[in-house]
Amino acid sequence: MFRSLRSRLFLTYLLVIGLVLVIISISLIFFILRFSQQVEYGRLNFWLSNFTGSEARALISLPEDKLQANLERIDNVSSARSIVLGPGGDIVGDSRPDEKPLPSYVIREMATSGPTSRGSFRYAPSDQWLYVSSLLAGRYKLILTTPKPTLSSMPVWGRDLLTPVMEAGVVSLLLSVILAWGIAYWVASPLGHMAKAADGVSAGDYDQQLPLGGPDEVRSLAETFNAMVRRVQDSQQAQRDFVANVSHELKTPLTSIQGFAQAILDGTAHNAEEQHRAAQVIYDESDRLRRLVEELLDLARIDAGQVSFERQPLDLGALLEGVVERLSVRAVEEGVRIESRLPELPALIGDGDRLAQVFTNLIDNAVKHTSEGADVILQGEVEGGWVSIHVDDSGPGIPPDDLSRIFERFYQLDKARAGGRERGVGLGLAISREIVQAHGGRLVAQSVLGRGSRFTVQLPIIRPDDTTMVRKPS
């Protein structure tokens, strides 16, 4: 019956409300009785002060029969049992001699107490009395005692106070039930929407956005759920784009290979020059296919955590010098100069071959996009436990819309470039970023149209107690 969150919240609120009402009721009864007791003490003291004034000496000088009559008169007026104690603590007169005598310990306490006293005593657990006493004259004392107020002994309270309080409690309980149901619905309703939306996502319907309502925790959960759905949508879109891009990248060279191979087979390329050209295109496109497959396998292994990164101390400066030296010949052929402005760099822990792959890709891209006669500049800086390597080119720059996507797989700026050995497949920057992140670093791109671009590799610096700064791919 109470399996749903809404019903459990409702039951919890009812229990809390019921407990609060019970506590309030008990507290109210306690304070009413406490207040009634103080009122009763005040009433007894009022009558006591009336009978212990100037007539006190005359009262104790009366004969026994007249003293008894006066005590009964006092009893009738004050509605309290009236008793006179003598100097030795003996009872001189009692307005109700047929009732139970006062307990001996009470008489002793009043006989030895000061001019006035008050207190309570019990005849039985359910029969408790209040008393007040005061000197009459000399060492005589007048005692007024009456039963302690109880709910059953206060018909006025029950009629004039308890009944309205109980009626108010019933109304409060009914209103609380309605309020508890509303609060339970308010808290549980967003969670019900979340469950429904989660069912939709599991069924493949990713067009799910939850309203941001309810308590802060529910609102935060809704925001997290919406962000998760957006990431799932992005992931699904990226997967579709990936499949489409792979299909396109495979289709283009395969079409070229098939076309030129057909030309050789059917004799369309009838002379040696045309056959050589066809064979060269087939070779170039097959080489491009090989590179595409290798890079795809590389990415797949990195994503799956199957790439084993070496964790060895390496000289970053020497590594960069080697990369620059290998690419300088190609840069000269393009009419571009690679200028190294690197300071002395600290030692790192990492995979030298993989980091060389990253810097080779970045510098090679910079050479490709730098105009003839311009420079590719390599700079570095060390700050705050990080070493940053900047690769600057003076090319046309990257448009802002493209800059946010250049690390996506298969994304290319030179989409119109004809196929061949010089055309990439759009995986180099994606692989480079994965390698840098696997080393606990960051790969950042900045660009200004018409002035060039800067790619920055940030890597953590080795500390004396480090064994590795390379994080395992997740």
Protein backbone atom coordinates (compact mmCIF):
# COMPACT_ATOMS: atom_id res chain seq x y z
CA MET A 1 0.00 0.00 0.00
CA PHE A 2 2.82 2.40 0.85
CA ARG A 3 5.25 1.40 -1.89
CA SER A 4 5.25 4.72 -3.75
CA LEU A 5 7.35 7.65 -2.57
CA ARG A 6 4.29 9.91 -2.49
CA SER A 7 2.34 7.62 -0.15
CA ARG A 8 5.36 7.14 2.10
CA LEU A 9 5.93 10.89 2.31
CA PHE A 10 2.24 11.37 3.07
CA LEU A 11 2.35 8.75 5.83
CA THR A 12 5.53 10.28 7.26
CA TYR A 13 4.00 13.74 7.34
CA LEU A 14 0.85 12.36 9.03
CA LEU A 15 2.92 10.62 11.68
CA VAL A 16 4.93 13.77 12.33
CA ILE A 17 1.77 15.91 12.48
CA GLY A 18 0.06 13.43 14.81
CA LEU A 19 3.11 13.30 17.08
CA VAL A 20 3.28 17.10 17.20
CA LEU A 21 -0.43 17.36 18.03
CA VAL A 22 -0.05 14.79 20.82
CA ILE A 23 2.95 16.65 22.26
CA ILE A 24 1.08 19.96 22.07
CA SER A 25 -1.99 18.43 23.73
CA ILE A 26 0.03 16.93 26.57
CA SER A 27 1.94 20.19 27.04
CA LEU A 28 -1.30 22.17 27.03
CA ILE A 29 -2.88 19.90 29.66
CA PHE A 30 0.26 20.13 31.76
CA PHE A 31 0.30 23.93 31.66
CA ILE A 32 -3.45 24.15 32.35
CA LEU A 33 -3.04 21.98 35.43
CA ARG A 34 0.03 23.90 36.49
CA PHE A 35 -1.81 27.20 36.05
CA SER A 36 -4.87 25.85 37.90
CA GLN A 37 -2.66 24.79 40.78
CA GLN A 38 -1.19 28.30 41.05
CA VAL A 39 -4.71 29.76 40.90
CA GLU A 40 -5.77 27.41 43.70
CA TYR A 41 -2.78 28.44 45.84
CA GLY A 42 -3.71 32.06 45.25
CA ARG A 43 -7.32 31.43 46.28
CA LEU A 44 -6.25 29.63 49.47
CA ASN A 45 -3.82 32.43 50.37
CA PHE A 46 -6.56 35.00 49.81
CA TRP A 47 -8.91 33.32 52.29
CA LEU A 48 -6.07 32.55 54.66
CA SER A 49 -5.14 36.23 54.85
CA ASN A 50 -8.79 37.08 55.66
CA PHE A 51 -8.91 34.73 58.63
CA THR A 52 -5.48 35.42 60.12
CA GLY A 53 -5.89 39.13 60.63
CA SER A 54 -7.19 40.99 63.70
CA GLU A 55 -9.73 38.29 64.54
CA ALA A 56 -7.11 35.55 64.79
CA ARG A 57 -6.63 35.83 68.59
CA ALA A 58 -10.39 35.83 69.13
CA LEU A 59 -10.70 32.71 67.00
CA ILE A 60 -8.34 30.62 69.09
CA SER A 61 -9.85 31.84 72.33
CA LEU A 62 -13.28 30.44 71.49
CA PRO A 63 -14.60 27.34 73.23
CA GLU A 64 -14.16 24.09 71.36
CA ASP A 65 -17.75 23.91 70.09
CA LYS A 66 -17.74 27.49 68.84
CA LEU A 67 -14.25 27.02 67.30
CA GLN A 68 -15.60 24.03 65.41
CA ALA A 69 -18.55 26.07 64.17
CA ASN A 70 -16.27 28.88 62.99
CA LEU A 71 -13.95 26.45 61.19
CA GLU A 72 -16.96 24.95 59.40
CA ARG A 73 -18.03 28.49 58.44
CA ILE A 74 -14.54 29.13 57.06
CA ASP A 75 -14.74 25.81 55.19
CA ASN A 76 -18.09 26.78 53.64
CA VAL A 77 -16.83 30.19 52.56
CA SER A 78 -13.43 29.11 51.20
CA SER A 79 -14.37 25.58 50.04
CA ALA A 80 -11.26 24.35 51.84
CA ARG A 81 -10.80 22.09 54.85
CA SER A 82 -9.79 24.30 57.79
CA ILE A 83 -7.54 23.02 60.58
CA VAL A 84 -5.99 24.76 63.60
CA LEU A 85 -2.71 23.41 65.03
CA GLY A 86 -1.71 24.08 68.60
CA PRO A 87 1.78 25.09 69.79
CA GLY A 88 2.83 21.45 70.24
CA GLY A 89 1.63 20.40 66.78
CA ASP A 90 -1.61 18.89 68.06
CA ILE A 91 -4.86 19.48 66.15
CA VAL A 92 -7.02 21.95 68.09
CA GLY A 93 -9.85 22.11 65.54
CA ASP A 94 -10.82 20.53 62.20
CA SER A 95 -13.74 21.55 59.94
CA ARG A 96 -13.96 17.97 58.65
CA PRO A 97 -13.14 15.70 61.59
CA ASP A 98 -14.71 12.66 59.90
CA GLU A 99 -12.29 12.73 56.94
CA LYS A 100 -8.81 11.24 56.86
CA PRO A 101 -6.41 13.04 59.20
CA LEU A 102 -3.48 14.92 57.80
CA PRO A 103 -0.35 12.77 57.38
CA SER A 104 1.91 13.08 60.37
CA TYR A 105 4.90 14.24 58.29
CA VAL A 106 2.83 17.16 56.95
CA ILE A 107 1.86 18.21 60.48
CA ARG A 108 5.52 18.05 61.57
CA GLU A 109 6.61 20.14 58.58
CA MET A 110 3.98 22.83 59.24
CA ALA A 111 4.71 22.84 62.98
CA THR A 112 8.42 23.44 62.37
CA SER A 113 8.10 25.73 59.35
CA GLY A 114 8.15 29.50 59.36
CA PRO A 115 5.19 31.86 59.73
CA THR A 116 3.76 30.76 56.38
CA SER A 117 4.15 27.66 54.28
CA ARG A 118 2.56 25.86 51.39
CA GLY A 119 2.91 22.48 49.72
CA SER A 120 1.13 19.28 48.79
CA PHE A 121 0.64 15.78 50.10
CA ARG A 122 -0.95 12.53 49.00
CA TYR A 123 -3.43 10.23 50.60
CA ALA A 124 -3.06 7.93 47.58
CA PRO A 125 -1.41 8.18 44.13
CA SER A 126 -4.64 9.60 42.69
CA ASP A 127 -5.62 11.65 45.78
CA GLN A 128 -3.32 14.66 46.08
CA TRP A 129 -4.04 17.77 48.16
CA LEU A 130 -2.68 21.32 48.31
CA TYR A 131 -2.29 23.25 51.59
CA VAL A 132 -1.28 26.67 52.87
CA SER A 133 -0.69 27.66 56.52
CA SER A 134 -0.14 30.84 58.49
CA LEU A 135 0.24 31.90 62.17
CA LEU A 136 -2.94 32.87 63.94
CA ALA A 137 -1.58 34.24 67.17
CA GLY A 138 1.43 33.19 69.06
CA ARG A 139 2.31 29.63 68.00
CA TYR A 140 -1.07 28.57 66.65
CA LYS A 141 -1.46 27.93 62.94
CA LEU A 142 -4.43 27.94 60.58
CA ILE A 143 -4.26 25.45 57.71
CA LEU A 144 -6.42 25.51 54.57
CA THR A 145 -6.22 22.41 52.35
CA THR A 146 -8.09 21.40 49.19
CA PRO A 147 -7.78 18.67 46.56
CA LYS A 148 -5.25 19.36 43.80
CA PRO A 149 -7.03 20.35 40.56
CA THR A 150 -7.48 17.64 37.90
CA LEU A 151 -9.17 17.69 34.51
CA SER A 152 -12.17 15.85 35.88
CA SER A 153 -12.46 18.34 38.74
CA MET A 154 -12.47 21.36 36.38
CA PRO A 155 -15.78 21.29 34.50
CA VAL A 156 -15.40 24.96 33.63
CA TRP A 157 -12.02 24.35 32.04
CA GLY A 158 -13.33 21.35 30.16
CA ARG A 159 -16.35 23.24 28.87
CA ASP A 160 -14.76 26.61 28.18
CA LEU A 161 -11.24 25.62 27.11
CA LEU A 162 -10.64 21.95 26.44
CA THR A 163 -13.62 21.54 24.12
CA PRO A 164 -12.61 24.48 21.87
CA VAL A 165 -9.01 23.26 21.93
CA MET A 166 -10.07 19.78 20.84
CA GLU A 167 -12.23 21.23 18.08
CA ALA A 168 -9.30 23.35 16.91
CA GLY A 169 -7.08 20.26 17.00
CA VAL A 170 -9.48 18.31 14.79
CA VAL A 171 -9.65 21.19 12.30
CA SER A 172 -5.85 21.49 12.37
CA LEU A 173 -5.52 17.76 11.76
CA LEU A 174 -7.82 17.91 8.73
CA LEU A 175 -5.97 20.90 7.30
CA SER A 176 -2.65 19.18 8.01
CA VAL A 177 -3.78 16.07 6.11
CA ILE A 178 -4.57 18.23 3.07
CA LEU A 179 -1.28 20.10 3.43
CA ALA A 180 0.68 16.85 3.89
CA TRP A 181 -0.83 15.43 0.72
CA GLY A 182 0.02 18.63 -1.17
CA ILE A 183 3.62 18.64 0.08
CA ALA A 184 4.04 14.93 -0.71
CA TYR A 185 2.72 15.55 -4.23
CA TRP A 186 5.00 18.60 -4.62
CA VAL A 187 8.09 16.61 -3.61
CA ALA A 188 7.28 13.34 -5.38
CA SER A 189 5.80 14.74 -8.60
CA PRO A 190 9.19 15.84 -10.09
CA LEU A 191 10.62 12.42 -9.25
CA GLY A 192 7.69 10.81 -11.08
CA HIS A 193 8.47 12.99 -14.09
CA MET A 194 12.11 11.90 -13.84
CA ALA A 195 11.15 8.23 -13.78
CA LYS A 196 8.95 8.73 -16.84
CA ALA A 197 11.71 10.65 -18.63
CA ALA A 198 14.27 7.97 -17.73
CA ASP A 199 11.97 5.32 -19.21
CA GLY A 200 11.80 7.41 -22.38
CA VAL A 201 15.58 7.67 -22.59
CA SER A 202 15.98 3.94 -22.04
CA ALA A 203 13.54 3.41 -24.91
CA GLY A 204 15.62 5.62 -27.20
CA ASP A 205 13.61 8.84 -26.94
CA TYR A 206 16.26 11.42 -26.03
CA ASP A 207 14.00 14.44 -26.43
CA GLN A 208 13.48 14.66 -22.67
CA GLN A 209 13.86 17.82 -20.58
CA LEU A 210 12.61 18.03 -17.00
CA PRO A 211 11.14 21.24 -15.52
CA LEU A 212 13.30 22.74 -12.80
CA GLY A 213 10.84 22.73 -9.90
CA GLY A 214 10.47 21.40 -6.39
CA PRO A 215 13.00 21.50 -3.53
CA ASP A 216 16.63 22.42 -4.17
CA GLU A 217 17.74 18.77 -4.11
CA VAL A 218 15.08 17.77 -6.65
CA ARG A 219 15.92 20.82 -8.78
CA SER A 220 19.61 19.86 -8.71
CA LEU A 221 18.71 16.29 -9.67
CA ALA A 222 16.59 17.59 -12.58
CA GLU A 223 19.48 19.78 -13.78
CA THR A 224 21.84 16.79 -13.60
CA PHE A 225 19.35 14.60 -15.47
CA ASN A 226 18.92 17.22 -18.21
CA ALA A 227 22.68 17.57 -18.52
CA MET A 228 23.01 13.77 -18.72
CA VAL A 229 20.38 13.58 -21.48
CA ARG A 230 22.17 16.32 -23.41
CA ARG A 231 25.44 14.42 -23.10
CA VAL A 232 23.74 11.23 -24.26
CA GLN A 233 22.27 13.14 -27.21
CA ASP A 234 25.68 14.61 -28.01
CA SER A 235 27.24 11.17 -27.69
CA GLN A 236 24.62 9.64 -30.00
CA GLN A 237 25.09 12.47 -32.49
CA ALA A 238 28.87 12.09 -32.27
CA GLN A 239 28.50 8.36 -32.90
CA ARG A 240 26.29 9.01 -35.94
CA ASP A 241 28.73 11.65 -37.18
CA PHE A 242 31.62 9.28 -36.59
CA VAL A 243 30.01 6.52 -38.63
CA ALA A 244 29.12 8.99 -41.38
CA ASN A 245 32.62 10.48 -41.42
CA VAL A 246 34.31 7.07 -41.46
CA SER A 247 32.03 6.00 -44.30
CA HIS A 248 32.85 9.15 -46.24
CA GLU A 249 36.59 8.92 -45.58
CA LEU A 250 36.59 5.29 -46.69
CA LYS A 251 34.34 5.85 -49.70
CA THR A 252 36.44 8.62 -51.29
CA PRO A 253 39.77 6.74 -51.59
CA LEU A 254 38.04 3.47 -52.41
CA THR A 255 36.21 5.17 -55.26
CA SER A 256 39.49 6.59 -56.57
CA ILE A 257 41.24 3.23 -56.25
CA GLN A 258 38.40 1.43 -57.97
CA GLY A 259 38.18 4.01 -60.78
CA PHE A 260 41.86 4.09 -61.63
CA ALA A 261 42.20 0.32 -61.26
CA GLN A 262 39.30 -0.03 -63.74
CA ALA A 263 41.09 2.37 -66.07
CA ILE A 264 44.14 0.11 -66.07
CA LEU A 265 42.07 -3.05 -66.50
CA ASP A 266 39.88 -1.86 -69.38
CA GLY A 267 42.74 -0.12 -71.20
CA THR A 268 41.52 3.44 -70.71
CA ALA A 269 44.98 4.25 -69.36
CA HIS A 270 46.58 3.01 -72.55
CA ASN A 271 50.05 4.55 -72.35
CA ALA A 272 52.79 4.23 -69.75
CA GLU A 273 52.38 7.79 -68.46
CA GLU A 274 48.66 7.38 -67.77
CA GLN A 275 49.20 3.96 -66.23
CA HIS A 276 51.90 5.41 -63.97
CA ARG A 277 49.57 8.22 -62.95
CA ALA A 278 46.78 5.75 -62.20
CA ALA A 279 49.13 3.56 -60.19
CA GLN A 280 50.36 6.61 -58.24
CA VAL A 281 46.80 7.61 -57.35
CA ILE A 282 46.04 4.05 -56.27
CA TYR A 283 49.20 4.03 -54.15
CA ASP A 284 48.45 7.41 -52.57
CA GLU A 285 44.85 6.54 -51.76
CA SER A 286 45.77 3.14 -50.36
CA ASP A 287 48.40 4.82 -48.21
CA ARG A 288 45.74 7.25 -47.01
CA LEU A 289 43.49 4.29 -46.19
CA ARG A 290 46.31 2.71 -44.24
CA ARG A 291 46.88 5.88 -42.23
CA LEU A 292 43.15 6.20 -41.61
CA VAL A 293 42.88 2.63 -40.33
CA GLU A 294 46.00 3.02 -38.15
CA GLU A 295 44.68 6.23 -36.59
CA LEU A 296 41.25 4.71 -36.04
CA LEU A 297 42.83 1.73 -34.31
CA ASP A 298 44.99 4.10 -32.29
CA LEU A 299 41.94 6.05 -31.11
CA ALA A 300 40.01 2.86 -30.37
CA ARG A 301 42.87 1.51 -28.25
CA ILE A 302 43.20 4.82 -26.37
CA ASP A 303 39.43 4.96 -25.72
CA ALA A 304 39.47 1.36 -24.50
CA GLY A 305 42.48 1.98 -22.25
CA GLN A 306 44.51 -0.61 -24.14
CA VAL A 307 47.38 1.72 -25.03
CA SER A 308 50.32 1.17 -22.75
CA PHE A 309 52.06 4.50 -22.10
CA GLU A 310 55.68 4.35 -21.03
CA ARG A 311 56.37 5.96 -17.68
CA GLN A 312 59.95 7.04 -17.80
CA PRO A 313 61.87 10.25 -17.10
CA LEU A 314 62.36 12.18 -20.34
CA ASP A 315 64.23 15.27 -21.46
CA LEU A 316 61.50 17.42 -23.00
CA GLY A 317 64.01 19.86 -24.51
CA ALA A 318 65.89 17.10 -26.32
CA LEU A 319 62.61 15.56 -27.49
CA LEU A 320 61.49 18.87 -29.04
CA GLU A 321 64.88 19.45 -30.67
CA GLY A 322 64.61 16.05 -32.33
CA VAL A 323 61.11 16.79 -33.65
CA VAL A 324 62.21 20.20 -35.02
CA GLU A 325 65.23 18.62 -36.68
CA ARG A 326 63.14 15.95 -38.43
CA LEU A 327 60.60 18.47 -39.73
CA SER A 328 63.07 21.18 -40.75
CA VAL A 329 63.78 19.57 -44.14
CA ARG A 330 60.09 19.48 -45.01
CA ALA A 331 59.67 23.05 -43.75
CA VAL A 332 62.51 24.27 -46.01
CA GLU A 333 60.82 22.60 -48.97
CA GLU A 334 57.66 24.57 -48.13
CA GLY A 335 59.65 27.80 -47.78
CA VAL A 336 58.96 27.95 -44.03
CA ARG A 337 61.47 28.28 -41.20
CA ILE A 338 60.98 26.61 -37.79
CA GLU A 339 62.41 28.84 -35.07
CA SER A 340 62.93 27.40 -31.58
CA ARG A 341 62.84 29.85 -28.68
CA LEU A 342 62.67 27.26 -25.95
CA PRO A 343 64.16 27.99 -22.50
CA GLU A 344 65.72 25.31 -20.36
CA LEU A 345 62.91 22.84 -19.70
CA PRO A 346 62.45 20.60 -16.64
CA ALA A 347 62.38 16.82 -16.70
CA LEU A 348 59.05 15.02 -17.03
CA ILE A 349 57.71 11.53 -16.56
CA GLY A 350 55.92 10.20 -19.63
CA ASP A 351 55.97 8.38 -22.95
CA GLY A 352 58.55 10.06 -25.18
CA ASP A 353 57.33 8.43 -28.40
CA ARG A 354 53.71 9.46 -27.80
CA LEU A 355 54.64 13.04 -26.88
CA ALA A 356 56.88 13.21 -29.95
CA GLN A 357 53.82 12.14 -31.99
CA VAL A 358 51.86 15.06 -30.48
CA PHE A 359 54.50 17.72 -31.21
CA THR A 360 55.19 16.29 -34.67
CA ASN A 361 51.52 16.62 -35.54
CA LEU A 362 51.25 20.18 -34.16
CA ILE A 363 54.44 21.47 -35.83
CA ASP A 364 53.61 19.70 -39.12
CA ASN A 365 50.14 21.32 -39.12
CA ALA A 366 51.73 24.71 -38.41
CA VAL A 367 54.10 24.26 -41.38
CA LYS A 368 51.18 23.33 -43.64
CA HIS A 369 49.20 26.45 -42.72
CA THR A 370 52.08 28.96 -42.69
CA SER A 371 52.65 31.05 -45.79
CA GLU A 372 55.91 30.76 -47.71
CA GLY A 373 58.61 32.92 -46.22
CA ALA A 374 57.00 33.03 -42.77
CA ASP A 375 58.08 31.35 -39.53
CA VAL A 376 56.73 28.68 -37.23
CA ILE A 377 57.83 29.60 -33.71
CA LEU A 378 58.27 27.14 -30.85
CA GLN A 379 58.18 28.72 -27.36
CA GLY A 380 57.99 27.44 -23.81
CA GLU A 381 57.42 28.58 -20.24
CA VAL A 382 57.43 27.03 -16.77
CA GLU A 383 54.99 28.23 -14.11
CA GLY A 384 53.13 26.84 -11.12
CA GLY A 385 54.15 23.20 -11.52
CA TRP A 386 53.33 23.16 -15.25
CA VAL A 387 55.40 23.42 -18.40
CA SER A 388 53.69 24.96 -21.44
CA ILE A 389 54.92 24.49 -25.01
CA HIS A 390 53.48 26.90 -27.61
CA VAL A 391 53.46 26.20 -31.35
CA ASP A 392 52.74 29.47 -33.20
CA ASP A 393 52.09 29.81 -36.92
CA SER A 394 51.45 32.91 -39.03
CA GLY A 395 48.77 31.36 -41.20
CA PRO A 396 45.30 32.66 -42.00
CA GLY A 397 43.94 31.72 -38.58
CA ILE A 398 40.96 29.61 -37.61
CA PRO A 399 37.38 30.98 -37.66
CA PRO A 400 35.72 31.03 -34.20
CA ASP A 401 33.07 28.51 -35.26
CA ASP A 402 35.78 26.10 -36.40
CA LEU A 403 38.03 26.75 -33.41
CA SER A 404 35.53 25.16 -31.03
CA ARG A 405 35.43 21.98 -33.15
CA ILE A 406 38.98 21.38 -34.32
CA PHE A 407 39.54 18.63 -31.75
CA GLU A 408 36.51 16.69 -32.99
CA ARG A 409 37.26 13.48 -34.83
CA PHE A 410 37.29 13.82 -38.64
CA TYR A 411 36.81 17.59 -38.44
CA GLN A 412 38.89 19.34 -41.09
CA LEU A 413 39.45 22.96 -41.95
CA ASP A 414 40.69 22.16 -45.45
CA LYS A 415 37.54 20.37 -46.59
CA ALA A 416 38.00 21.46 -50.19
CA ARG A 417 41.55 20.14 -50.54
CA ALA A 418 41.87 17.39 -53.12
CA GLY A 419 42.68 13.88 -51.95
CA GLY A 420 46.24 12.64 -51.79
CA ARG A 421 49.15 12.22 -49.44
CA GLU A 422 49.02 15.76 -48.12
CA ARG A 423 45.41 15.59 -47.03
CA GLY A 424 44.76 14.44 -43.49
CA VAL A 425 41.79 12.52 -42.21
CA GLY A 426 40.92 14.80 -39.30
CA LEU A 427 42.13 12.52 -36.50
CA GLY A 428 45.54 13.97 -35.70
CA LEU A 429 44.38 16.64 -33.24
CA ALA A 430 41.88 14.26 -31.63
CA ILE A 431 44.65 11.70 -31.03
CA SER A 432 47.03 14.40 -29.80
CA ARG A 433 44.50 15.63 -27.27
CA GLU A 434 43.90 12.09 -25.98
CA ILE A 435 47.65 11.54 -25.56
CA VAL A 436 48.14 14.86 -23.71
CA GLN A 437 45.17 14.16 -21.43
CA ALA A 438 46.56 10.70 -20.71
CA HIS A 439 49.66 12.49 -19.38
CA GLY A 440 47.51 14.59 -17.07
CA GLY A 441 47.86 17.66 -19.28
CA ARG A 442 45.82 19.94 -21.53
CA LEU A 443 45.89 20.83 -25.23
CA VAL A 444 44.53 24.31 -25.95
CA ALA A 445 43.99 26.19 -29.23
CA GLN A 446 43.90 29.97 -29.77
CA SER A 447 43.61 31.84 -33.04
CA VAL A 448 43.15 35.30 -34.56
CA LEU A 449 41.92 35.53 -38.15
CA GLY A 450 44.60 36.93 -40.44
CA ARG A 451 47.35 36.66 -37.79
CA GLY A 452 47.76 32.96 -37.12
CA SER A 453 47.12 30.31 -34.50
CA ARG A 454 48.72 29.03 -31.31
CA PHE A 455 48.47 25.48 -30.01
CA THR A 456 49.61 25.03 -26.40
CA VAL A 457 50.53 21.75 -24.72
CA GLN A 458 50.50 21.98 -20.92
CA LEU A 459 52.11 19.13 -18.98
CA PRO A 460 52.66 18.65 -15.22
CA ILE A 461 56.22 18.88 -13.98
CA ILE A 462 57.83 15.95 -12.20
CA ARG A 463 58.39 16.39 -8.45
CA PRO A 464 61.21 14.73 -6.48
CA ASP A 465 58.89 12.10 -4.98
CA ASP A 466 57.02 11.38 -8.22
CA THR A 467 57.13 8.00 -9.86
CA THR A 468 54.76 9.06 -12.61
CA MET A 469 52.63 11.96 -13.68
CA VAL A 470 50.80 9.96 -16.31
CA ARG A 471 47.19 9.15 -15.62
CA LYS A 472 45.72 5.93 -16.91
CA PRO A 473 43.16 6.45 -19.66
CA SER A 474 39.63 5.87 -18.37
